[in-house]
Amino acid sequence: MIYLDTDFLIHYLVIQDKEIHRIVNKKIKPWLESEKVFISLLTMQETSFVLSRLNFDSFEIIEKINQIERFGNINYSKKEFERAKFLASKVGFNSINDCLHTAIAESHCKELYTFNKKDFEKIKNYTDLKINILSV
């Protein structure tokens, strides 16, 4: 399974940069067809927040969340939170959510996709999870 970080999903749902949107859509279409994508509840929560910050109205946010909810969702447990705390102790607690994304992905997926180089370059050093950091 493939875990998508929040920034990846935001670029799928919202055209902020045409080239990044094109890259994301090219990657995500085959994954959706083969049902290889898992979305965590944490990702849906963060996506809702980011869409709000981008001034989407409540109806649009619900519509977009419903769109990604069909991919399936993964909750997290105390075990993943403990793992995230360990990772954050290594890379900094300002990255706790990215550490939690990593811990959830470690439990359920083989790969994680993100555009967040700053945080995930550090996290990569403490996990066997394949972290794919995309750029333009």
N, C-alpha and C. Protein backbone atom coordinates (compact mmCIF):
# COMPACT_ATOMS: atom_id res chain seq x y z
N MET A 1 0.83 -1.18 0.00
CA MET A 1 0.00 0.00 0.00
C MET A 1 0.88 1.25 0.00
N ILE A 2 0.30 2.34 -0.48
CA ILE A 2 0.99 3.61 -0.57
C ILE A 2 0.29 4.62 0.33
N TYR A 3 1.08 5.25 1.18
CA TYR A 3 0.57 6.28 2.09
C TYR A 3 0.86 7.64 1.49
N LEU A 4 -0.15 8.49 1.46
CA LEU A 4 0.02 9.83 0.90
C LEU A 4 0.03 10.86 2.02
N ASP A 5 1.10 11.65 2.05
CA ASP A 5 1.19 12.74 3.00
C ASP A 5 0.17 13.82 2.61
N THR A 6 -0.17 14.65 3.57
CA THR A 6 -1.18 15.68 3.35
C THR A 6 -0.83 16.59 2.18
N ASP A 7 0.42 16.99 2.08
CA ASP A 7 0.77 17.92 0.99
C ASP A 7 0.54 17.29 -0.38
N PHE A 8 0.75 15.99 -0.49
CA PHE A 8 0.49 15.29 -1.75
C PHE A 8 -0.99 15.38 -2.10
N LEU A 9 -1.83 15.13 -1.11
CA LEU A 9 -3.28 15.19 -1.35
C LEU A 9 -3.76 16.60 -1.66
N ILE A 10 -3.20 17.58 -0.99
CA ILE A 10 -3.59 18.96 -1.28
C ILE A 10 -3.28 19.29 -2.74
N HIS A 11 -2.12 18.86 -3.22
CA HIS A 11 -1.76 19.11 -4.62
C HIS A 11 -2.66 18.34 -5.58
N TYR A 12 -3.22 17.23 -5.14
CA TYR A 12 -4.19 16.47 -5.94
C TYR A 12 -5.53 17.21 -6.00
N LEU A 13 -5.95 17.74 -4.87
CA LEU A 13 -7.28 18.35 -4.76
C LEU A 13 -7.34 19.80 -5.23
N VAL A 14 -6.21 20.51 -5.16
CA VAL A 14 -6.19 21.95 -5.43
C VAL A 14 -5.04 22.26 -6.39
N ILE A 15 -5.34 22.98 -7.45
CA ILE A 15 -4.28 23.40 -8.37
C ILE A 15 -3.66 24.69 -7.82
N GLN A 16 -2.51 24.52 -7.19
CA GLN A 16 -1.74 25.68 -6.72
C GLN A 16 -0.56 25.92 -7.65
N ASP A 17 -0.04 24.84 -8.17
CA ASP A 17 1.08 24.87 -9.11
C ASP A 17 0.75 23.84 -10.18
N LYS A 18 0.62 24.27 -11.42
CA LYS A 18 0.16 23.38 -12.50
C LYS A 18 1.08 22.17 -12.69
N GLU A 19 2.38 22.39 -12.60
CA GLU A 19 3.34 21.29 -12.81
C GLU A 19 3.24 20.25 -11.68
N ILE A 20 3.15 20.71 -10.45
CA ILE A 20 3.02 19.78 -9.32
C ILE A 20 1.70 19.03 -9.42
N HIS A 21 0.64 19.73 -9.76
CA HIS A 21 -0.67 19.09 -9.91
C HIS A 21 -0.61 18.00 -10.99
N ARG A 22 0.07 18.29 -12.08
CA ARG A 22 0.22 17.31 -13.17
C ARG A 22 0.99 16.07 -12.68
N ILE A 23 2.08 16.30 -11.97
CA ILE A 23 2.89 15.19 -11.44
C ILE A 23 2.06 14.32 -10.50
N VAL A 24 1.34 14.95 -9.60
CA VAL A 24 0.52 14.22 -8.62
C VAL A 24 -0.55 13.40 -9.34
N ASN A 25 -1.24 14.00 -10.28
CA ASN A 25 -2.30 13.28 -10.99
C ASN A 25 -1.76 12.12 -11.81
N LYS A 26 -0.59 12.30 -12.41
CA LYS A 26 0.02 11.22 -13.18
C LYS A 26 0.34 10.02 -12.29
N LYS A 27 0.79 10.28 -11.06
CA LYS A 27 1.12 9.21 -10.13
C LYS A 27 -0.12 8.57 -9.51
N ILE A 28 -1.09 9.38 -9.13
CA ILE A 28 -2.20 8.88 -8.32
C ILE A 28 -3.21 8.06 -9.12
N LYS A 29 -3.40 8.36 -10.40
CA LYS A 29 -4.42 7.64 -11.18
C LYS A 29 -4.22 6.14 -11.19
N PRO A 30 -3.03 5.62 -11.51
CA PRO A 30 -2.87 4.15 -11.48
C PRO A 30 -3.03 3.57 -10.08
N TRP A 31 -2.63 4.32 -9.06
CA TRP A 31 -2.78 3.84 -7.68
C TRP A 31 -4.24 3.70 -7.32
N LEU A 32 -5.04 4.67 -7.74
CA LEU A 32 -6.47 4.62 -7.43
C LEU A 32 -7.13 3.45 -8.14
N GLU A 33 -6.75 3.24 -9.40
CA GLU A 33 -7.32 2.14 -10.17
C GLU A 33 -6.98 0.79 -9.56
N SER A 34 -5.80 0.65 -9.00
CA SER A 34 -5.39 -0.62 -8.41
C SER A 34 -5.67 -0.68 -6.91
N GLU A 35 -6.31 0.37 -6.38
CA GLU A 35 -6.67 0.44 -4.96
C GLU A 35 -5.47 0.24 -4.04
N LYS A 36 -4.36 0.90 -4.37
CA LYS A 36 -3.13 0.79 -3.59
C LYS A 36 -2.95 1.93 -2.59
N VAL A 37 -3.89 2.88 -2.55
CA VAL A 37 -3.73 4.07 -1.72
C VAL A 37 -4.50 3.92 -0.42
N PHE A 38 -3.85 4.29 0.67
CA PHE A 38 -4.52 4.40 1.97
C PHE A 38 -4.34 5.82 2.47
N ILE A 39 -5.39 6.36 3.01
CA ILE A 39 -5.38 7.70 3.57
C ILE A 39 -5.68 7.57 5.06
N SER A 40 -4.90 8.22 5.89
CA SER A 40 -5.15 8.15 7.33
C SER A 40 -6.16 9.22 7.75
N LEU A 41 -6.78 8.98 8.89
CA LEU A 41 -7.67 9.99 9.45
C LEU A 41 -6.89 11.26 9.77
N LEU A 42 -5.63 11.11 10.16
CA LEU A 42 -4.77 12.27 10.40
C LEU A 42 -4.64 13.10 9.12
N THR A 43 -4.45 12.44 8.00
CA THR A 43 -4.33 13.14 6.72
C THR A 43 -5.62 13.86 6.38
N MET A 44 -6.76 13.21 6.62
CA MET A 44 -8.03 13.87 6.33
C MET A 44 -8.23 15.08 7.24
N GLN A 45 -7.84 14.96 8.49
CA GLN A 45 -7.95 16.08 9.42
C GLN A 45 -7.08 17.25 8.95
N GLU A 46 -5.82 16.96 8.62
CA GLU A 46 -4.92 18.02 8.15
C GLU A 46 -5.39 18.63 6.83
N THR A 47 -5.92 17.79 5.95
CA THR A 47 -6.43 18.28 4.67
C THR A 47 -7.58 19.25 4.89
N SER A 48 -8.47 18.91 5.81
CA SER A 48 -9.59 19.81 6.14
C SER A 48 -9.06 21.16 6.61
N PHE A 49 -8.06 21.12 7.49
CA PHE A 49 -7.47 22.34 8.02
C PHE A 49 -6.84 23.17 6.91
N VAL A 50 -6.05 22.55 6.05
CA VAL A 50 -5.37 23.28 4.98
C VAL A 50 -6.39 23.87 4.01
N LEU A 51 -7.41 23.12 3.67
CA LEU A 51 -8.44 23.65 2.76
C LEU A 51 -9.13 24.87 3.37
N SER A 52 -9.34 24.82 4.68
CA SER A 52 -9.91 25.97 5.38
C SER A 52 -8.97 27.17 5.29
N ARG A 53 -7.67 26.92 5.48
CA ARG A 53 -6.67 28.01 5.38
C ARG A 53 -6.59 28.58 3.96
N LEU A 54 -6.96 27.75 2.98
CA LEU A 54 -6.97 28.20 1.59
C LEU A 54 -8.31 28.84 1.22
N ASN A 55 -9.14 29.08 2.24
CA ASN A 55 -10.42 29.78 2.10
C ASN A 55 -11.49 29.01 1.34
N PHE A 56 -11.44 27.68 1.37
CA PHE A 56 -12.54 26.89 0.85
C PHE A 56 -13.68 26.99 1.84
N ASP A 57 -14.92 26.99 1.35
CA ASP A 57 -16.04 27.04 2.28
C ASP A 57 -16.33 25.63 2.79
N SER A 58 -17.18 25.54 3.80
CA SER A 58 -17.46 24.25 4.46
C SER A 58 -17.98 23.21 3.49
N PHE A 59 -18.85 23.60 2.59
CA PHE A 59 -19.40 22.66 1.61
C PHE A 59 -18.29 22.09 0.74
N GLU A 60 -17.40 22.94 0.24
CA GLU A 60 -16.30 22.49 -0.61
C GLU A 60 -15.36 21.56 0.15
N ILE A 61 -15.10 21.89 1.41
CA ILE A 61 -14.21 21.04 2.22
C ILE A 61 -14.82 19.66 2.40
N ILE A 62 -16.09 19.61 2.74
CA ILE A 62 -16.76 18.31 2.91
C ILE A 62 -16.74 17.54 1.61
N GLU A 63 -16.99 18.21 0.50
CA GLU A 63 -16.98 17.56 -0.82
C GLU A 63 -15.61 16.95 -1.12
N LYS A 64 -14.55 17.70 -0.84
CA LYS A 64 -13.19 17.20 -1.12
C LYS A 64 -12.80 16.07 -0.16
N ILE A 65 -13.19 16.19 1.10
CA ILE A 65 -12.90 15.11 2.06
C ILE A 65 -13.65 13.85 1.66
N ASN A 66 -14.91 13.99 1.23
CA ASN A 66 -15.67 12.83 0.75
C ASN A 66 -14.98 12.20 -0.45
N GLN A 67 -14.39 13.02 -1.29
CA GLN A 67 -13.68 12.53 -2.48
C GLN A 67 -12.50 11.64 -2.09
N ILE A 68 -11.74 12.02 -1.07
CA ILE A 68 -10.57 11.21 -0.70
C ILE A 68 -10.93 10.10 0.28
N GLU A 69 -12.07 10.22 0.94
CA GLU A 69 -12.47 9.20 1.91
C GLU A 69 -12.67 7.84 1.24
N ARG A 70 -13.00 7.84 -0.02
CA ARG A 70 -13.23 6.57 -0.73
C ARG A 70 -11.97 5.74 -0.88
N PHE A 71 -10.81 6.34 -0.67
CA PHE A 71 -9.55 5.60 -0.76
C PHE A 71 -9.40 4.64 0.41
N GLY A 72 -10.20 4.79 1.42
CA GLY A 72 -10.04 4.00 2.63
C GLY A 72 -9.29 4.83 3.64
N ASN A 73 -9.49 4.52 4.89
CA ASN A 73 -8.79 5.32 5.89
C ASN A 73 -8.23 4.45 6.99
N ILE A 74 -7.19 4.97 7.59
CA ILE A 74 -6.48 4.25 8.64
C ILE A 74 -6.45 5.16 9.86
N ASN A 75 -6.88 4.64 10.97
CA ASN A 75 -6.74 5.36 12.21
C ASN A 75 -5.38 5.01 12.80
N TYR A 76 -5.01 5.64 13.88
CA TYR A 76 -3.75 5.29 14.51
C TYR A 76 -3.99 4.92 15.96
N SER A 77 -3.04 4.22 16.51
CA SER A 77 -3.17 3.69 17.86
C SER A 77 -2.08 4.28 18.75
N LYS A 78 -2.13 3.91 19.99
CA LYS A 78 -1.10 4.32 20.97
C LYS A 78 0.28 3.87 20.48
N LYS A 79 0.34 2.69 19.88
CA LYS A 79 1.62 2.16 19.37
C LYS A 79 2.23 3.12 18.34
N GLU A 80 1.41 3.59 17.39
CA GLU A 80 1.93 4.52 16.39
C GLU A 80 2.30 5.87 17.02
N PHE A 81 1.51 6.29 18.00
CA PHE A 81 1.83 7.56 18.65
C PHE A 81 3.15 7.45 19.42
N GLU A 82 3.39 6.31 20.07
CA GLU A 82 4.67 6.10 20.77
C GLU A 82 5.83 6.11 19.78
N ARG A 83 5.64 5.50 18.64
CA ARG A 83 6.67 5.50 17.60
C ARG A 83 6.92 6.93 17.10
N ALA A 84 5.84 7.69 16.94
CA ALA A 84 5.97 9.07 16.50
C ALA A 84 6.73 9.90 17.53
N LYS A 85 6.47 9.66 18.80
CA LYS A 85 7.21 10.38 19.85
C LYS A 85 8.70 10.06 19.76
N PHE A 86 9.03 8.79 19.53
CA PHE A 86 10.44 8.41 19.38
C PHE A 86 11.06 9.15 18.20
N LEU A 87 10.39 9.12 17.05
CA LEU A 87 10.92 9.81 15.87
C LEU A 87 11.07 11.31 16.14
N ALA A 88 10.08 11.89 16.79
CA ALA A 88 10.14 13.33 17.10
C ALA A 88 11.29 13.65 18.06
N SER A 89 11.61 12.70 18.94
CA SER A 89 12.74 12.94 19.84
C SER A 89 14.05 13.00 19.07
N LYS A 90 14.08 12.42 17.89
CA LYS A 90 15.29 12.43 17.05
C LYS A 90 15.33 13.63 16.10
N VAL A 91 14.16 14.03 15.57
CA VAL A 91 14.14 15.06 14.53
C VAL A 91 13.51 16.37 15.00
N GLY A 92 12.89 16.38 16.15
CA GLY A 92 12.26 17.59 16.67
C GLY A 92 10.75 17.48 16.73
N PHE A 93 10.19 17.94 17.82
CA PHE A 93 8.74 17.83 18.01
C PHE A 93 7.95 18.79 17.13
N ASN A 94 8.62 19.74 16.48
CA ASN A 94 7.91 20.57 15.52
C ASN A 94 7.49 19.75 14.29
N SER A 95 8.01 18.52 14.17
CA SER A 95 7.66 17.61 13.07
C SER A 95 6.81 16.44 13.56
N ILE A 96 6.14 16.57 14.71
CA ILE A 96 5.42 15.43 15.30
C ILE A 96 4.37 14.87 14.34
N ASN A 97 3.64 15.72 13.62
CA ASN A 97 2.63 15.17 12.71
C ASN A 97 3.27 14.36 11.58
N ASP A 98 4.40 14.82 11.07
CA ASP A 98 5.09 14.05 10.03
C ASP A 98 5.65 12.76 10.60
N CYS A 99 6.06 12.79 11.85
CA CYS A 99 6.50 11.56 12.52
C CYS A 99 5.33 10.60 12.68
N LEU A 100 4.17 11.14 12.99
CA LEU A 100 2.98 10.30 13.12
C LEU A 100 2.56 9.73 11.76
N HIS A 101 2.63 10.53 10.71
CA HIS A 101 2.37 10.00 9.36
C HIS A 101 3.32 8.83 9.08
N THR A 102 4.57 9.00 9.42
CA THR A 102 5.56 7.94 9.18
C THR A 102 5.21 6.69 9.97
N ALA A 103 4.87 6.85 11.24
CA ALA A 103 4.55 5.69 12.08
C ALA A 103 3.31 4.95 11.57
N ILE A 104 2.30 5.69 11.14
CA ILE A 104 1.10 5.06 10.58
C ILE A 104 1.47 4.31 9.31
N ALA A 105 2.24 4.95 8.46
CA ALA A 105 2.65 4.31 7.20
C ALA A 105 3.48 3.06 7.46
N GLU A 106 4.36 3.11 8.45
CA GLU A 106 5.17 1.93 8.78
C GLU A 106 4.28 0.74 9.14
N SER A 107 3.16 1.01 9.79
CA SER A 107 2.27 -0.07 10.23
C SER A 107 1.41 -0.64 9.12
N HIS A 108 1.14 0.16 8.07
CA HIS A 108 0.13 -0.25 7.09
C HIS A 108 0.59 -0.25 5.64
N CYS A 109 1.72 0.35 5.35
CA CYS A 109 2.10 0.58 3.96
C CYS A 109 3.58 0.25 3.73
N LYS A 110 3.95 0.22 2.48
CA LYS A 110 5.35 -0.01 2.11
C LYS A 110 6.06 1.29 1.73
N GLU A 111 5.28 2.29 1.31
CA GLU A 111 5.87 3.54 0.83
C GLU A 111 5.05 4.73 1.30
N LEU A 112 5.72 5.88 1.36
CA LEU A 112 5.07 7.15 1.67
C LEU A 112 5.51 8.15 0.60
N TYR A 113 4.56 8.95 0.12
CA TYR A 113 4.86 9.98 -0.87
C TYR A 113 4.58 11.36 -0.27
N THR A 114 5.51 12.29 -0.48
CA THR A 114 5.40 13.64 0.05
C THR A 114 6.20 14.61 -0.81
N PHE A 115 5.93 15.89 -0.64
CA PHE A 115 6.76 16.95 -1.21
C PHE A 115 7.58 17.63 -0.11
N ASN A 116 7.40 17.20 1.11
CA ASN A 116 8.01 17.85 2.28
C ASN A 116 9.44 17.34 2.51
N LYS A 117 10.35 17.91 1.78
CA LYS A 117 11.76 17.50 1.88
C LYS A 117 12.36 17.86 3.24
N LYS A 118 12.05 19.06 3.73
CA LYS A 118 12.66 19.56 4.97
C LYS A 118 12.51 18.57 6.13
N ASP A 119 11.32 18.08 6.37
CA ASP A 119 11.09 17.19 7.50
C ASP A 119 11.40 15.73 7.19
N PHE A 120 10.99 15.26 6.02
CA PHE A 120 11.14 13.83 5.74
C PHE A 120 12.57 13.42 5.42
N GLU A 121 13.42 14.34 5.00
CA GLU A 121 14.84 14.00 4.84
C GLU A 121 15.44 13.61 6.19
N LYS A 122 15.01 14.27 7.24
CA LYS A 122 15.50 13.93 8.59
C LYS A 122 14.89 12.61 9.06
N ILE A 123 13.59 12.45 8.86
CA ILE A 123 12.88 11.24 9.32
C ILE A 123 13.42 10.00 8.63
N LYS A 124 13.79 10.13 7.35
CA LYS A 124 14.30 8.98 6.58
C LYS A 124 15.42 8.23 7.30
N ASN A 125 16.18 8.94 8.10
CA ASN A 125 17.32 8.33 8.79
C ASN A 125 16.91 7.38 9.91
N TYR A 126 15.64 7.36 10.27
CA TYR A 126 15.19 6.57 11.43
C TYR A 126 14.09 5.57 11.08
N THR A 127 13.93 5.27 9.80
CA THR A 127 12.89 4.33 9.39
C THR A 127 13.35 3.50 8.21
N ASP A 128 12.77 2.31 8.09
CA ASP A 128 13.00 1.46 6.93
C ASP A 128 11.93 1.69 5.86
N LEU A 129 10.91 2.48 6.19
CA LEU A 129 9.86 2.81 5.25
C LEU A 129 10.47 3.52 4.04
N LYS A 130 10.01 3.18 2.85
CA LYS A 130 10.48 3.86 1.65
C LYS A 130 9.75 5.20 1.57
N ILE A 131 10.50 6.27 1.77
CA ILE A 131 9.93 7.62 1.71
C ILE A 131 10.35 8.25 0.39
N ASN A 132 9.34 8.58 -0.42
CA ASN A 132 9.56 9.19 -1.74
C ASN A 132 9.27 10.68 -1.62
N ILE A 133 10.32 11.48 -1.75
CA ILE A 133 10.18 12.92 -1.68
C ILE A 133 10.21 13.46 -3.10
N LEU A 134 9.08 13.99 -3.52
CA LEU A 134 8.95 14.48 -4.88
C LEU A 134 9.32 15.96 -4.95
N SER A 135 9.75 16.38 -6.12
CA SER A 135 10.03 17.79 -6.35
C SER A 135 9.78 18.08 -7.81
N VAL A 136 9.77 19.34 -8.13
CA VAL A 136 9.53 19.75 -9.52
C VAL A 136 10.86 20.05 -10.17
